[in-house]
């Protein structure tokens, strides 16, 4: 199965250098192959994504130079 946000991640990477020079630390809202906007907070970007696109996949990503991997563990895994 392909990554649901593959197109959005590629678009973010394509615009990453420009975003870093103009909006480092802020949050990018990406839908399809376009960076829709840049927001001061993650919740502002998420709210705008739902307002504009509804309940569909879109990417909200903090604009940072060094990515920190996030790991989530589900209680449903029985680990």
Protein backbone atom coordinates (compact mmCIF):
# COMPACT_ATOMS: atom_id res chain seq x y z
CA UNK A 1 0.00 0.00 0.00
CA UNK A 2 1.35 3.40 -0.98
CA UNK A 3 1.83 6.12 1.59
CA UNK A 4 -1.37 8.18 1.73
CA UNK A 5 0.61 11.42 2.01
CA UNK A 6 3.36 10.55 -0.47
CA UNK A 7 2.47 13.40 -2.85
CA UNK A 8 2.30 15.90 0.02
CA UNK A 9 5.64 14.77 1.46
CA UNK A 10 7.30 15.15 -1.96
CA UNK A 11 5.80 18.63 -2.32
CA UNK A 12 7.09 19.62 1.12
CA UNK A 13 10.59 18.35 0.27
CA UNK A 14 10.50 20.22 -3.05
CA UNK A 15 9.74 23.52 -1.23
CA UNK A 16 11.73 22.79 1.94
CA UNK A 17 14.72 25.08 1.30
CA UNK A 18 12.50 28.05 0.49
CA UNK A 19 10.31 27.35 3.52
CA UNK A 20 13.36 27.15 5.78
CA UNK A 21 14.60 30.52 4.56
CA UNK A 22 11.24 32.25 5.03
CA UNK A 23 9.31 30.41 7.75
CA UNK A 24 11.56 28.20 9.87
CA UNK A 25 9.79 26.93 12.98
CA UNK A 26 6.30 27.56 11.61
CA UNK A 27 3.89 24.92 10.24
CA UNK A 28 3.24 24.21 6.57
CA UNK A 29 -0.16 23.02 5.32
CA UNK A 30 0.26 20.86 2.22
CA UNK A 31 -2.49 19.35 0.06
CA UNK A 32 -1.63 17.47 -3.09
CA UNK A 33 1.45 19.00 -4.67
CA UNK A 34 0.93 22.50 -3.24
CA UNK A 35 2.01 24.22 -0.05
CA UNK A 36 -1.30 25.87 0.78
CA UNK A 37 -0.05 28.09 3.57
CA UNK A 38 2.26 28.62 6.53
CA UNK A 39 0.91 29.07 10.07
CA UNK A 40 2.27 30.09 13.46
CA UNK A 41 0.90 27.01 15.25
CA UNK A 42 0.13 23.41 14.39
CA UNK A 43 -3.50 23.77 15.51
CA UNK A 44 -3.97 26.80 13.21
CA UNK A 45 -2.68 24.78 10.24
CA UNK A 46 -4.85 21.76 11.11
CA UNK A 47 -7.95 23.92 11.59
CA UNK A 48 -7.39 25.61 8.24
CA UNK A 49 -6.89 22.23 6.57
CA UNK A 50 -10.24 20.95 7.85
CA UNK A 51 -11.95 24.23 7.00
CA UNK A 52 -10.66 24.24 3.42
CA UNK A 53 -10.61 20.55 2.57
CA UNK A 54 -12.87 18.74 5.02
CA UNK A 55 -12.14 15.31 6.43
CA UNK A 56 -9.58 14.22 3.83
CA UNK A 57 -5.84 13.57 4.11
CA UNK A 58 -3.62 16.64 4.18
CA UNK A 59 -0.17 17.24 5.66
CA UNK A 60 0.78 19.62 8.44
CA UNK A 61 4.51 19.66 9.02
CA UNK A 62 6.74 21.85 11.15
CA UNK A 63 9.42 23.55 9.09
CA UNK A 64 12.69 22.50 10.73
CA UNK A 65 16.25 21.89 9.56
CA UNK A 66 16.72 18.63 11.45
CA UNK A 67 13.86 16.13 11.50
CA UNK A 68 13.20 14.31 14.77
CA UNK A 69 11.68 10.86 14.20
CA UNK A 70 8.50 10.21 16.15
CA UNK A 71 7.57 6.73 17.29
CA UNK A 72 4.11 5.80 18.50
CA UNK A 73 3.20 2.55 20.20
CA UNK A 74 -0.38 1.33 20.24
CA UNK A 75 -1.88 -0.36 23.29
CA UNK A 76 -3.70 -2.55 20.79
CA UNK A 77 -0.47 -4.31 19.82
CA UNK A 78 -0.23 -6.12 23.14
CA UNK A 79 3.41 -5.14 23.53
